[in-house]
Structure formats: C-alpha cells, structure tokens
Amino acid sequence: MSLSELWAVLRRAIAGWWNDNVPHLGAALSYYTLFSLAPILIVAIAIGGLAFGAEAVRGEIVVQIDGLVGRKGALAVQAMLEGAAKPSSSIPATIIGVITFFLGATGAFLELQTALNTIWRVKPKSGGSWFRVLLMQRLISFGLVVGVGFLLLTSLLVSAGLGALHRYMGDAYPGVAVLWEALNVIVSLGVITLLFAMVYKVLPDVE
C-alpha cells in the first residue's frame, strides 16, 4: 500500500469517526457501563460461584481489576460489590432493587447496540409494539450478561486447571512456568475473542 492510499484510508476513517459522532457515543457508553458494572459482575460472580464459591470468584475479580486499574480502583469495585450484595429489608425495596438491577445490567449492552447500529447505518428491527421491542432488546442484553458470566466461569476453570498443573509440575520442570504464562495469555485472548464475537453476532440489527 502506497503512502497516498494509506492517507486516503486514514482520512476516510477520521471522517467516519467524526460523522458518526463517536466521542458522544463513547461518552454515553462509558456512562451506562459505569452503572452496569456492578450488576454484570454480580451475575458473573453468581455463575462462577457455582463452581468455586462466590467469595473466591469475587476475590479473583478484585485481583484482576487491581492488576488493570490499580489498588484504589479494585477497592472501589470491592466496596461496590459488597454494598450491592446486601439483601433488602422490605418487599418494595426488593422489587425496586430487582428492576434496577435488570435495567442496570442491560443498559451498557443496549447502548452498545445503539452505537453499532449508528456506525453501521442500520435501522432497528421492527417487531410490533414499542414495549415488545424494548422488552426483547432488554432480554437479549441480559442474555449477553449471562454469557459474560459463563465466559468468566470457563476462564476460571481453565486458569484453575493450569494453576494446579503448574504447582504439580513446577518443581520437576522449571520451564513449565513460561508455558503456564503463555497458556494463561491464550485463554484470556480466547475469552475476549468469544465475547467480541458474541457481541457482534447478537447486538447489531443486521443479519
């Protein structure tokens, strides 16, 4: 590819980025993600807890967040999860909490669907009344939330297996540590790839 062709591609990319109002879409997605973080992690912890226990999964998530954003961010997420996990003392509060949980958990994926539809110039599918369309969108988004939980469970299972293999063979074969790190990276990339594939397959209103 020549420099002129590369510049033409870059210019089209910048024009598309500006015409699609990507800064606005990114700000909206960040806002919804902030409120969706706790519900999504709670679902992931509930699913991962089926195999490892909720406390172990919560601790592993906090450790991973510590490595990504630092200790203060991890402590903030830990406090948020502990507060969200406290049971309500009344039925009305519980009902409101469940509705808020559902709306919060699906908000980020619903906003991501809107952003992808905008960028790909597609119109939302018509499926009857506005309430039915909205309900289906929320259910699909919640299905993705559950999918994220199962991906986390798969990642934890594989990581636990690799960790046990490393502890079992580490003393006898020192080179296994390098192999374990490589496999850990491969598993993480595989989980992220599956998540992106699931999002692009399910969310946009295109065939």
N, C-alpha and C. Protein backbone atom coordinates (compact mmCIF):
# COMPACT_ATOMS: atom_id res chain seq x y z
N MET A 1 0.85 -1.20 0.00
CA MET A 1 0.00 0.00 0.00
C MET A 1 0.88 1.25 0.00
N SER A 2 0.61 2.13 -0.94
CA SER A 2 1.40 3.36 -1.04
C SER A 2 0.99 4.35 0.04
N LEU A 3 1.80 5.40 0.19
CA LEU A 3 1.51 6.41 1.19
C LEU A 3 0.22 7.16 0.87
N SER A 4 -0.04 7.40 -0.41
CA SER A 4 -1.27 8.09 -0.79
C SER A 4 -2.50 7.25 -0.46
N GLU A 5 -2.42 5.94 -0.69
CA GLU A 5 -3.55 5.05 -0.37
C GLU A 5 -3.73 4.96 1.15
N LEU A 6 -2.61 4.90 1.87
CA LEU A 6 -2.70 4.86 3.33
C LEU A 6 -3.32 6.14 3.87
N TRP A 7 -2.95 7.27 3.30
CA TRP A 7 -3.52 8.54 3.73
C TRP A 7 -5.02 8.62 3.42
N ALA A 8 -5.42 8.07 2.26
CA ALA A 8 -6.84 8.07 1.89
C ALA A 8 -7.65 7.22 2.87
N VAL A 9 -7.11 6.06 3.26
CA VAL A 9 -7.80 5.21 4.23
C VAL A 9 -7.90 5.92 5.58
N LEU A 10 -6.81 6.54 6.00
CA LEU A 10 -6.80 7.26 7.28
C LEU A 10 -7.79 8.42 7.25
N ARG A 11 -7.86 9.14 6.13
CA ARG A 11 -8.77 10.27 6.01
C ARG A 11 -10.22 9.83 6.07
N ARG A 12 -10.54 8.70 5.39
CA ARG A 12 -11.91 8.17 5.44
C ARG A 12 -12.27 7.71 6.85
N ALA A 13 -11.28 7.11 7.53
CA ALA A 13 -11.53 6.65 8.90
C ALA A 13 -11.83 7.82 9.83
N ILE A 14 -11.06 8.89 9.69
CA ILE A 14 -11.27 10.07 10.54
C ILE A 14 -12.62 10.72 10.21
N ALA A 15 -12.96 10.78 8.92
CA ALA A 15 -14.25 11.36 8.52
C ALA A 15 -15.41 10.52 9.06
N GLY A 16 -15.30 9.21 8.98
CA GLY A 16 -16.34 8.35 9.53
C GLY A 16 -16.45 8.48 11.03
N TRP A 17 -15.30 8.58 11.69
CA TRP A 17 -15.29 8.75 13.14
C TRP A 17 -16.00 10.05 13.53
N TRP A 18 -15.78 11.10 12.77
CA TRP A 18 -16.41 12.39 13.08
C TRP A 18 -17.90 12.39 12.72
N ASN A 19 -18.24 11.84 11.56
CA ASN A 19 -19.64 11.85 11.11
C ASN A 19 -20.54 10.97 11.99
N ASP A 20 -19.98 9.92 12.55
CA ASP A 20 -20.77 9.03 13.42
C ASP A 20 -20.84 9.54 14.86
N ASN A 21 -20.19 10.69 15.11
CA ASN A 21 -20.22 11.30 16.45
C ASN A 21 -19.72 10.32 17.51
N VAL A 22 -18.57 9.72 17.21
CA VAL A 22 -18.01 8.69 18.09
C VAL A 22 -17.71 9.21 19.50
N PRO A 23 -17.20 10.44 19.68
CA PRO A 23 -16.98 10.91 21.05
C PRO A 23 -18.26 10.89 21.89
N HIS A 24 -19.38 11.30 21.28
CA HIS A 24 -20.65 11.28 22.01
C HIS A 24 -21.07 9.85 22.33
N LEU A 25 -20.92 8.94 21.36
CA LEU A 25 -21.28 7.53 21.59
C LEU A 25 -20.40 6.92 22.67
N GLY A 26 -19.11 7.27 22.63
CA GLY A 26 -18.19 6.73 23.63
C GLY A 26 -18.52 7.24 25.03
N ALA A 27 -18.88 8.53 25.14
CA ALA A 27 -19.24 9.08 26.45
C ALA A 27 -20.51 8.42 26.99
N ALA A 28 -21.50 8.23 26.12
CA ALA A 28 -22.74 7.58 26.55
C ALA A 28 -22.49 6.14 26.97
N LEU A 29 -21.66 5.44 26.21
CA LEU A 29 -21.36 4.05 26.54
C LEU A 29 -20.60 3.95 27.86
N SER A 30 -19.69 4.87 28.09
CA SER A 30 -18.95 4.88 29.36
C SER A 30 -19.89 5.13 30.53
N TYR A 31 -20.84 6.03 30.35
CA TYR A 31 -21.81 6.35 31.41
C TYR A 31 -22.64 5.12 31.76
N TYR A 32 -23.18 4.44 30.74
CA TYR A 32 -24.00 3.27 31.00
C TYR A 32 -23.17 2.11 31.56
N THR A 33 -21.93 2.00 31.09
CA THR A 33 -21.06 0.93 31.59
C THR A 33 -20.78 1.11 33.08
N LEU A 34 -20.63 2.35 33.51
CA LEU A 34 -20.37 2.63 34.93
C LEU A 34 -21.50 2.09 35.80
N PHE A 35 -22.76 2.30 35.36
CA PHE A 35 -23.90 1.82 36.14
C PHE A 35 -24.17 0.34 35.91
N SER A 36 -23.65 -0.22 34.83
CA SER A 36 -23.88 -1.64 34.55
C SER A 36 -22.81 -2.53 35.17
N LEU A 37 -21.71 -1.94 35.62
CA LEU A 37 -20.58 -2.74 36.08
C LEU A 37 -20.95 -3.65 37.24
N ALA A 38 -21.57 -3.08 38.28
CA ALA A 38 -21.92 -3.88 39.46
C ALA A 38 -22.90 -5.00 39.12
N PRO A 39 -24.02 -4.75 38.42
CA PRO A 39 -24.93 -5.86 38.07
C PRO A 39 -24.27 -6.94 37.23
N ILE A 40 -23.45 -6.54 36.26
CA ILE A 40 -22.78 -7.53 35.41
C ILE A 40 -21.84 -8.40 36.24
N LEU A 41 -21.07 -7.77 37.14
CA LEU A 41 -20.15 -8.54 37.99
C LEU A 41 -20.90 -9.44 38.95
N ILE A 42 -22.06 -8.98 39.44
CA ILE A 42 -22.84 -9.82 40.35
C ILE A 42 -23.33 -11.07 39.64
N VAL A 43 -23.81 -10.92 38.40
CA VAL A 43 -24.24 -12.09 37.61
C VAL A 43 -23.05 -13.01 37.37
N ALA A 44 -21.91 -12.43 37.00
CA ALA A 44 -20.72 -13.24 36.75
C ALA A 44 -20.28 -13.99 38.01
N ILE A 45 -20.34 -13.32 39.16
CA ILE A 45 -19.97 -13.96 40.41
C ILE A 45 -20.94 -15.09 40.76
N ALA A 46 -22.23 -14.85 40.53
CA ALA A 46 -23.23 -15.89 40.81
C ALA A 46 -22.99 -17.13 39.97
N ILE A 47 -22.65 -16.94 38.69
CA ILE A 47 -22.42 -18.10 37.82
C ILE A 47 -21.09 -18.77 38.15
N GLY A 48 -20.03 -17.95 38.30
CA GLY A 48 -18.75 -18.53 38.67
C GLY A 48 -18.76 -19.17 40.04
N GLY A 49 -19.60 -18.64 40.95
CA GLY A 49 -19.70 -19.22 42.29
C GLY A 49 -20.27 -20.62 42.32
N LEU A 50 -20.94 -21.03 41.24
CA LEU A 50 -21.46 -22.40 41.18
C LEU A 50 -20.34 -23.43 41.25
N ALA A 51 -19.16 -23.04 40.77
CA ALA A 51 -18.04 -23.99 40.77
C ALA A 51 -17.01 -23.68 41.85
N PHE A 52 -16.80 -22.39 42.15
CA PHE A 52 -15.71 -22.02 43.04
C PHE A 52 -16.16 -21.37 44.35
N GLY A 53 -17.43 -20.98 44.44
CA GLY A 53 -17.88 -20.23 45.59
C GLY A 53 -17.82 -18.74 45.31
N ALA A 54 -18.82 -18.01 45.78
CA ALA A 54 -18.93 -16.59 45.46
C ALA A 54 -17.74 -15.79 46.00
N GLU A 55 -17.28 -16.11 47.20
CA GLU A 55 -16.18 -15.36 47.79
C GLU A 55 -14.90 -15.51 46.98
N ALA A 56 -14.63 -16.74 46.51
CA ALA A 56 -13.42 -16.98 45.73
C ALA A 56 -13.47 -16.23 44.40
N VAL A 57 -14.63 -16.26 43.75
CA VAL A 57 -14.78 -15.56 42.46
C VAL A 57 -14.67 -14.06 42.67
N ARG A 58 -15.31 -13.55 43.72
CA ARG A 58 -15.24 -12.11 43.99
C ARG A 58 -13.79 -11.69 44.24
N GLY A 59 -13.06 -12.49 44.99
CA GLY A 59 -11.66 -12.18 45.25
C GLY A 59 -10.82 -12.19 43.98
N GLU A 60 -11.08 -13.17 43.09
CA GLU A 60 -10.33 -13.24 41.83
C GLU A 60 -10.63 -12.03 40.95
N ILE A 61 -11.87 -11.61 40.91
CA ILE A 61 -12.24 -10.42 40.11
C ILE A 61 -11.53 -9.18 40.64
N VAL A 62 -11.52 -9.03 41.96
CA VAL A 62 -10.85 -7.87 42.57
C VAL A 62 -9.36 -7.89 42.25
N VAL A 63 -8.74 -9.09 42.29
CA VAL A 63 -7.32 -9.21 41.95
C VAL A 63 -7.06 -8.79 40.51
N GLN A 64 -7.93 -9.25 39.59
CA GLN A 64 -7.76 -8.90 38.18
C GLN A 64 -7.93 -7.40 37.97
N ILE A 65 -8.91 -6.79 38.63
CA ILE A 65 -9.11 -5.35 38.50
C ILE A 65 -7.95 -4.58 39.10
N ASP A 66 -7.38 -5.10 40.19
CA ASP A 66 -6.21 -4.49 40.80
C ASP A 66 -5.06 -4.43 39.79
N GLY A 67 -4.89 -5.50 39.03
CA GLY A 67 -3.83 -5.52 38.03
C GLY A 67 -4.08 -4.58 36.87
N LEU A 68 -5.36 -4.28 36.59
CA LEU A 68 -5.70 -3.43 35.45
C LEU A 68 -5.70 -1.96 35.79
N VAL A 69 -6.35 -1.59 36.90
CA VAL A 69 -6.54 -0.16 37.20
C VAL A 69 -5.90 0.27 38.52
N GLY A 70 -5.29 -0.65 39.26
CA GLY A 70 -4.63 -0.27 40.50
C GLY A 70 -5.45 -0.62 41.74
N ARG A 71 -4.82 -0.42 42.88
CA ARG A 71 -5.40 -0.83 44.15
C ARG A 71 -6.65 -0.04 44.49
N LYS A 72 -6.64 1.28 44.27
CA LYS A 72 -7.79 2.11 44.62
C LYS A 72 -9.02 1.71 43.82
N GLY A 73 -8.83 1.45 42.52
CA GLY A 73 -9.95 1.03 41.70
C GLY A 73 -10.50 -0.32 42.13
N ALA A 74 -9.61 -1.24 42.50
CA ALA A 74 -10.04 -2.55 42.96
C ALA A 74 -10.82 -2.47 44.26
N LEU A 75 -10.35 -1.62 45.19
CA LEU A 75 -11.06 -1.44 46.46
C LEU A 75 -12.44 -0.81 46.24
N ALA A 76 -12.52 0.11 45.28
CA ALA A 76 -13.81 0.74 44.99
C ALA A 76 -14.80 -0.28 44.43
N VAL A 77 -14.32 -1.14 43.53
CA VAL A 77 -15.18 -2.19 42.97
C VAL A 77 -15.59 -3.18 44.05
N GLN A 78 -14.66 -3.52 44.95
CA GLN A 78 -14.96 -4.45 46.04
C GLN A 78 -16.04 -3.87 46.95
N ALA A 79 -15.92 -2.60 47.30
CA ALA A 79 -16.93 -1.96 48.14
C ALA A 79 -18.28 -1.91 47.43
N MET A 80 -18.25 -1.66 46.13
CA MET A 80 -19.48 -1.61 45.35
C MET A 80 -20.17 -2.97 45.32
N LEU A 81 -19.39 -4.03 45.15
CA LEU A 81 -19.96 -5.38 45.12
C LEU A 81 -20.51 -5.77 46.49
N GLU A 82 -19.80 -5.42 47.55
CA GLU A 82 -20.27 -5.75 48.90
C GLU A 82 -21.57 -5.02 49.21
N GLY A 83 -21.67 -3.76 48.79
CA GLY A 83 -22.89 -3.00 49.02
C GLY A 83 -24.06 -3.53 48.21
N ALA A 84 -23.79 -3.93 46.96
CA ALA A 84 -24.85 -4.43 46.10
C ALA A 84 -25.34 -5.80 46.54
N ALA A 85 -24.48 -6.56 47.23
CA ALA A 85 -24.85 -7.92 47.63
C ALA A 85 -25.68 -7.95 48.91
N LYS A 86 -25.81 -6.83 49.62
CA LYS A 86 -26.58 -6.82 50.87
C LYS A 86 -28.06 -6.96 50.58
N PRO A 87 -28.75 -7.88 51.26
CA PRO A 87 -30.18 -8.07 50.99
C PRO A 87 -31.02 -6.90 51.49
N SER A 88 -32.13 -6.64 50.79
CA SER A 88 -33.04 -5.58 51.19
C SER A 88 -33.92 -6.05 52.35
N SER A 89 -34.40 -5.09 53.13
CA SER A 89 -35.17 -5.44 54.32
C SER A 89 -36.67 -5.41 54.10
N SER A 90 -37.14 -4.98 52.93
CA SER A 90 -38.57 -4.92 52.67
C SER A 90 -38.87 -5.39 51.26
N ILE A 91 -40.12 -5.81 51.06
CA ILE A 91 -40.54 -6.32 49.74
C ILE A 91 -40.50 -5.23 48.68
N PRO A 92 -41.06 -4.02 48.94
CA PRO A 92 -40.96 -2.97 47.91
C PRO A 92 -39.53 -2.63 47.52
N ALA A 93 -38.65 -2.58 48.52
CA ALA A 93 -37.24 -2.29 48.22
C ALA A 93 -36.63 -3.41 47.38
N THR A 94 -37.02 -4.64 47.67
CA THR A 94 -36.51 -5.77 46.89
C THR A 94 -36.99 -5.70 45.45
N ILE A 95 -38.27 -5.39 45.25
CA ILE A 95 -38.82 -5.28 43.89
C ILE A 95 -38.12 -4.17 43.11
N ILE A 96 -37.98 -3.01 43.76
CA ILE A 96 -37.28 -1.89 43.11
C ILE A 96 -35.84 -2.27 42.80
N GLY A 97 -35.22 -2.99 43.74
CA GLY A 97 -33.83 -3.41 43.52
C GLY A 97 -33.69 -4.36 42.34
N VAL A 98 -34.64 -5.30 42.19
CA VAL A 98 -34.59 -6.25 41.08
C VAL A 98 -34.76 -5.52 39.75
N ILE A 99 -35.72 -4.58 39.70
CA ILE A 99 -35.94 -3.82 38.46
C ILE A 99 -34.71 -2.98 38.12
N THR A 100 -34.16 -2.30 39.13
CA THR A 100 -32.96 -1.50 38.91
C THR A 100 -31.79 -2.36 38.47
N PHE A 101 -31.68 -3.55 39.08
CA PHE A 101 -30.61 -4.48 38.72
C PHE A 101 -30.73 -4.88 37.25
N PHE A 102 -31.95 -5.22 36.81
CA PHE A 102 -32.17 -5.66 35.43
C PHE A 102 -31.87 -4.53 34.45
N LEU A 103 -32.36 -3.32 34.75
CA LEU A 103 -32.12 -2.19 33.87
C LEU A 103 -30.64 -1.82 33.83
N GLY A 104 -30.00 -1.88 35.00
CA GLY A 104 -28.58 -1.55 35.05
C GLY A 104 -27.72 -2.56 34.32
N ALA A 105 -28.03 -3.85 34.48
CA ALA A 105 -27.23 -4.90 33.86
C ALA A 105 -27.32 -4.86 32.35
N THR A 106 -28.46 -4.44 31.81
CA THR A 106 -28.67 -4.46 30.36
C THR A 106 -28.37 -3.12 29.70
N GLY A 107 -28.19 -2.07 30.49
CA GLY A 107 -28.03 -0.74 29.92
C GLY A 107 -26.82 -0.60 29.02
N ALA A 108 -25.67 -1.13 29.44
CA ALA A 108 -24.45 -0.99 28.65
C ALA A 108 -24.58 -1.69 27.30
N PHE A 109 -25.13 -2.92 27.31
CA PHE A 109 -25.26 -3.65 26.05
C PHE A 109 -26.29 -3.00 25.13
N LEU A 110 -27.34 -2.44 25.71
CA LEU A 110 -28.35 -1.76 24.89
C LEU A 110 -27.75 -0.50 24.25
N GLU A 111 -26.95 0.22 24.99
CA GLU A 111 -26.29 1.40 24.44
C GLU A 111 -25.26 1.01 23.38
N LEU A 112 -24.57 -0.11 23.61
CA LEU A 112 -23.62 -0.60 22.61
C LEU A 112 -24.34 -0.99 21.32
N GLN A 113 -25.53 -1.58 21.44
CA GLN A 113 -26.33 -1.91 20.26
C GLN A 113 -26.69 -0.65 19.48
N THR A 114 -27.11 0.40 20.19
CA THR A 114 -27.44 1.66 19.54
C THR A 114 -26.23 2.25 18.83
N ALA A 115 -25.06 2.17 19.47
CA ALA A 115 -23.84 2.71 18.86
C ALA A 115 -23.47 1.94 17.60
N LEU A 116 -23.55 0.62 17.64
CA LEU A 116 -23.22 -0.19 16.46
C LEU A 116 -24.21 0.06 15.33
N ASN A 117 -25.49 0.19 15.66
CA ASN A 117 -26.48 0.49 14.62
C ASN A 117 -26.20 1.85 13.96
N THR A 118 -25.78 2.81 14.78
CA THR A 118 -25.47 4.14 14.25
C THR A 118 -24.26 4.10 13.32
N ILE A 119 -23.22 3.41 13.73
CA ILE A 119 -21.99 3.35 12.94
C ILE A 119 -22.20 2.56 11.65
N TRP A 120 -23.00 1.48 11.72
CA TRP A 120 -23.23 0.64 10.54
C TRP A 120 -24.41 1.09 9.70
N ARG A 121 -25.04 2.22 10.09
CA ARG A 121 -26.15 2.79 9.32
C ARG A 121 -27.30 1.80 9.14
N VAL A 122 -27.70 1.15 10.20
CA VAL A 122 -28.82 0.23 10.12
C VAL A 122 -29.93 0.71 11.05
N LYS A 123 -31.16 0.39 10.69
CA LYS A 123 -32.32 0.76 11.49
C LYS A 123 -32.71 -0.42 12.39
N PRO A 124 -33.18 -0.13 13.59
CA PRO A 124 -33.63 -1.22 14.47
C PRO A 124 -34.74 -2.04 13.82
N LYS A 125 -34.73 -3.32 14.11
CA LYS A 125 -35.73 -4.20 13.54
C LYS A 125 -37.11 -3.87 14.12
N SER A 126 -38.12 -3.87 13.26
CA SER A 126 -39.49 -3.63 13.73
C SER A 126 -40.09 -4.97 14.12
N GLY A 127 -40.59 -5.04 15.35
CA GLY A 127 -41.14 -6.30 15.84
C GLY A 127 -42.42 -6.12 16.61
N GLY A 128 -43.28 -5.17 16.18
CA GLY A 128 -44.54 -4.96 16.88
C GLY A 128 -44.52 -3.68 17.67
N SER A 129 -45.14 -3.71 18.83
CA SER A 129 -45.26 -2.53 19.67
C SER A 129 -43.90 -2.14 20.25
N TRP A 130 -43.80 -0.87 20.66
CA TRP A 130 -42.55 -0.38 21.22
C TRP A 130 -42.18 -1.13 22.50
N PHE A 131 -43.21 -1.52 23.28
CA PHE A 131 -42.93 -2.24 24.52
C PHE A 131 -42.32 -3.61 24.23
N ARG A 132 -42.86 -4.29 23.23
CA ARG A 132 -42.34 -5.61 22.87
C ARG A 132 -40.91 -5.51 22.35
N VAL A 133 -40.66 -4.49 21.53
CA VAL A 133 -39.30 -4.30 21.01
C VAL A 133 -38.33 -4.01 22.15
N LEU A 134 -38.72 -3.12 23.06
CA LEU A 134 -37.86 -2.76 24.18
C LEU A 134 -37.61 -3.97 25.08
N LEU A 135 -38.67 -4.76 25.33
CA LEU A 135 -38.51 -5.94 26.17
C LEU A 135 -37.57 -6.94 25.53
N MET A 136 -37.69 -7.16 24.22
CA MET A 136 -36.81 -8.10 23.54
C MET A 136 -35.36 -7.62 23.57
N GLN A 137 -35.17 -6.32 23.40
CA GLN A 137 -33.81 -5.78 23.46
C GLN A 137 -33.21 -5.99 24.85
N ARG A 138 -34.01 -5.77 25.88
CA ARG A 138 -33.50 -5.95 27.24
C ARG A 138 -33.20 -7.42 27.51
N LEU A 139 -34.04 -8.32 27.03
CA LEU A 139 -33.82 -9.75 27.25
C LEU A 139 -32.56 -10.22 26.53
N ILE A 140 -32.36 -9.74 25.30
CA ILE A 140 -31.15 -10.10 24.58
C ILE A 140 -29.92 -9.57 25.30
N SER A 141 -30.01 -8.35 25.80
CA SER A 141 -28.88 -7.77 26.54
C SER A 141 -28.60 -8.56 27.80
N PHE A 142 -29.67 -8.97 28.50
CA PHE A 142 -29.47 -9.75 29.72
C PHE A 142 -28.88 -11.12 29.38
N GLY A 143 -29.27 -11.68 28.23
CA GLY A 143 -28.65 -12.93 27.79
C GLY A 143 -27.15 -12.78 27.59
N LEU A 144 -26.74 -11.62 27.08
CA LEU A 144 -25.31 -11.36 26.93
C LEU A 144 -24.62 -11.24 28.29
N VAL A 145 -25.32 -10.63 29.25
CA VAL A 145 -24.77 -10.54 30.61
C VAL A 145 -24.52 -11.94 31.17
N VAL A 146 -25.49 -12.83 31.00
CA VAL A 146 -25.33 -14.22 31.46
C VAL A 146 -24.19 -14.90 30.69
N GLY A 147 -24.09 -14.59 29.39
CA GLY A 147 -22.99 -15.15 28.60
C GLY A 147 -21.64 -14.71 29.12
N VAL A 148 -21.54 -13.46 29.54
CA VAL A 148 -20.30 -12.97 30.14
C VAL A 148 -19.98 -13.78 31.40
N GLY A 149 -21.00 -14.08 32.18
CA GLY A 149 -20.80 -14.88 33.39
C GLY A 149 -20.26 -16.26 33.08
N PHE A 150 -20.80 -16.91 32.05
CA PHE A 150 -20.33 -18.24 31.68
C PHE A 150 -18.91 -18.19 31.10
N LEU A 151 -18.60 -17.12 30.37
CA LEU A 151 -17.23 -16.97 29.88
C LEU A 151 -16.26 -16.82 31.05
N LEU A 152 -16.67 -16.07 32.07
CA LEU A 152 -15.83 -15.93 33.26
C LEU A 152 -15.65 -17.28 33.94
N LEU A 153 -16.73 -18.04 34.05
CA LEU A 153 -16.64 -19.36 34.66
C LEU A 153 -15.68 -20.25 33.89
N THR A 154 -15.76 -20.24 32.56
CA THR A 154 -14.85 -21.04 31.74
C THR A 154 -13.41 -20.61 31.95
N SER A 155 -13.19 -19.29 31.99
CA SER A 155 -11.84 -18.77 32.19
C SER A 155 -11.30 -19.19 33.55
N LEU A 156 -12.14 -19.12 34.59
CA LEU A 156 -11.69 -19.52 35.93
C LEU A 156 -11.38 -21.01 35.99
N LEU A 157 -12.21 -21.82 35.35
CA LEU A 157 -11.97 -23.26 35.34
C LEU A 157 -10.64 -23.60 34.67
N VAL A 158 -10.41 -22.99 33.51
CA VAL A 158 -9.16 -23.25 32.80
C VAL A 158 -7.96 -22.73 33.59
N SER A 159 -8.09 -21.53 34.16
CA SER A 159 -6.99 -20.97 34.95
C SER A 159 -6.70 -21.83 36.18
N ALA A 160 -7.75 -22.34 36.82
CA ALA A 160 -7.56 -23.23 37.99
C ALA A 160 -6.85 -24.51 37.57
N GLY A 161 -7.25 -25.06 36.43
CA GLY A 161 -6.59 -26.27 35.94
C GLY A 161 -5.13 -26.03 35.60
N LEU A 162 -4.85 -24.91 34.94
CA LEU A 162 -3.47 -24.59 34.61
C LEU A 162 -2.65 -24.32 35.87
N GLY A 163 -3.28 -23.65 36.85
CA GLY A 163 -2.57 -23.40 38.11
C GLY A 163 -2.22 -24.69 38.84
N ALA A 164 -3.16 -25.64 38.86
CA ALA A 164 -2.90 -26.94 39.50
C ALA A 164 -1.79 -27.68 38.76
N LEU A 165 -1.82 -27.62 37.43
CA LEU A 165 -0.77 -28.27 36.64
C LEU A 165 0.59 -27.63 36.90
N HIS A 166 0.59 -26.32 37.03
CA HIS A 166 1.85 -25.62 37.30
C HIS A 166 2.40 -26.00 38.67
N ARG A 167 1.54 -26.07 39.68
CA ARG A 167 2.00 -26.45 41.02
C ARG A 167 2.48 -27.90 41.05
N TYR A 168 1.86 -28.75 40.28
CA TYR A 168 2.21 -30.17 40.27
C TYR A 168 3.53 -30.43 39.55
N MET A 169 3.76 -29.70 38.44
CA MET A 169 4.92 -29.97 37.61
C MET A 169 5.99 -28.90 37.72
N GLY A 170 5.73 -27.83 38.48
CA GLY A 170 6.67 -26.71 38.52
C GLY A 170 8.03 -27.08 39.06
N ASP A 171 8.08 -27.90 40.12
CA ASP A 171 9.36 -28.26 40.72
C ASP A 171 10.16 -29.18 39.81
N ALA A 172 9.47 -30.12 39.18
CA ALA A 172 10.16 -31.08 38.32
C ALA A 172 10.59 -30.47 36.99
N TYR A 173 9.77 -29.57 36.48
CA TYR A 173 10.05 -28.96 35.18
C TYR A 173 9.97 -27.44 35.31
N PRO A 174 11.10 -26.78 35.58
CA PRO A 174 11.07 -25.32 35.76
C PRO A 174 10.54 -24.57 34.55
N GLY A 175 10.70 -25.10 33.36
CA GLY A 175 10.24 -24.42 32.16
C GLY A 175 8.74 -24.35 32.04
N VAL A 176 8.03 -25.10 32.89
CA VAL A 176 6.56 -25.10 32.83
C VAL A 176 6.00 -23.72 33.17
N ALA A 177 6.70 -22.94 33.98
CA ALA A 177 6.21 -21.61 34.36
C ALA A 177 6.00 -20.73 33.12
N VAL A 178 6.94 -20.79 32.19
CA VAL A 178 6.81 -19.99 30.97
C VAL A 178 5.62 -20.49 30.15
N LEU A 179 5.49 -21.82 30.07
CA LEU A 179 4.37 -22.39 29.33
C LEU A 179 3.04 -22.01 29.97
N TRP A 180 2.99 -22.00 31.30
CA TRP A 180 1.76 -21.65 32.01
C TRP A 180 1.36 -20.21 31.73
N GLU A 181 2.34 -19.31 31.73
CA GLU A 181 2.05 -17.90 31.44
C GLU A 181 1.52 -17.75 30.01
N ALA A 182 2.15 -18.48 29.08
CA ALA A 182 1.70 -18.40 27.68
C ALA A 182 0.28 -18.92 27.54
N LEU A 183 -0.03 -20.04 28.19
CA LEU A 183 -1.38 -20.60 28.12
C LEU A 183 -2.40 -19.67 28.77
N ASN A 184 -1.98 -19.01 29.84
CA ASN A 184 -2.88 -18.06 30.51
C ASN A 184 -3.24 -16.91 29.58
N VAL A 185 -2.23 -16.41 28.85
CA VAL A 185 -2.49 -15.33 27.89
C VAL A 185 -3.41 -15.81 26.77
N ILE A 186 -3.18 -17.03 26.29
CA ILE A 186 -4.01 -17.59 25.22
C ILE A 186 -5.46 -17.73 25.68
N VAL A 187 -5.66 -18.20 26.91
CA VAL A 187 -7.02 -18.33 27.45
C VAL A 187 -7.69 -16.97 27.55
N SER A 188 -6.97 -15.97 28.05
CA SER A 188 -7.54 -14.62 28.18
C SER A 188 -7.92 -14.07 26.81
N LEU A 189 -7.05 -14.24 25.82
CA LEU A 189 -7.36 -13.76 24.47
C LEU A 189 -8.55 -14.51 23.88
N GLY A 190 -8.63 -15.83 24.18
CA GLY A 190 -9.76 -16.61 23.69
C GLY A 190 -11.08 -16.14 24.27
N VAL A 191 -11.09 -15.84 25.57
CA VAL A 191 -12.32 -15.35 26.21
C VAL A 191 -12.73 -14.01 25.64
N ILE A 192 -11.76 -13.11 25.47
CA ILE A 192 -12.07 -11.79 24.90
C ILE A 192 -12.58 -11.92 23.48
N THR A 193 -11.97 -12.82 22.69
CA THR A 193 -12.42 -13.03 21.31
C THR A 193 -13.84 -13.56 21.26
N LEU A 194 -14.16 -14.51 22.13
CA LEU A 194 -15.52 -15.03 22.19
C LEU A 194 -16.52 -13.95 22.59
N LEU A 195 -16.12 -13.09 23.52
CA LEU A 195 -17.01 -12.00 23.95
C LEU A 195 -17.29 -11.04 22.80
N PHE A 196 -16.25 -10.66 22.07
CA PHE A 196 -16.45 -9.76 20.92
C PHE A 196 -17.29 -10.43 19.84
N ALA A 197 -17.03 -11.71 19.59
CA ALA A 197 -17.82 -12.43 18.58
C ALA A 197 -19.28 -12.49 18.98
N MET A 198 -19.54 -12.73 20.27
CA MET A 198 -20.91 -12.79 20.76
C MET A 198 -21.61 -11.44 20.63
N VAL A 199 -20.89 -10.38 20.94
CA VAL A 199 -21.47 -9.03 20.85
C VAL A 199 -21.81 -8.68 19.41
N TYR A 200 -20.85 -8.90 18.50
CA TYR A 200 -21.07 -8.53 17.09
C TYR A 200 -22.09 -9.44 16.41
N LYS A 201 -22.25 -10.65 16.90
CA LYS A 201 -23.22 -11.56 16.31
C LYS A 201 -24.64 -11.25 16.77
N VAL A 202 -24.81 -10.87 18.01
CA VAL A 202 -26.14 -10.75 18.60
C VAL A 202 -26.68 -9.33 18.57
N LEU A 203 -25.86 -8.34 18.90
CA LEU A 203 -26.38 -7.00 19.15
C LEU A 203 -26.83 -6.23 17.91
N PRO A 204 -26.01 -6.10 16.87
CA PRO A 204 -26.46 -5.23 15.75
C PRO A 204 -27.71 -5.77 15.07
N ASP A 205 -28.55 -4.87 14.57
CA ASP A 205 -29.79 -5.26 13.90
C ASP A 205 -29.54 -5.55 12.42
N VAL A 206 -28.61 -6.46 12.17
CA VAL A 206 -28.29 -6.90 10.82
C VAL A 206 -28.21 -8.42 10.82
N GLU A 207 -28.39 -9.00 9.64
CA GLU A 207 -28.29 -10.45 9.52
C GLU A 207 -26.84 -10.87 9.45
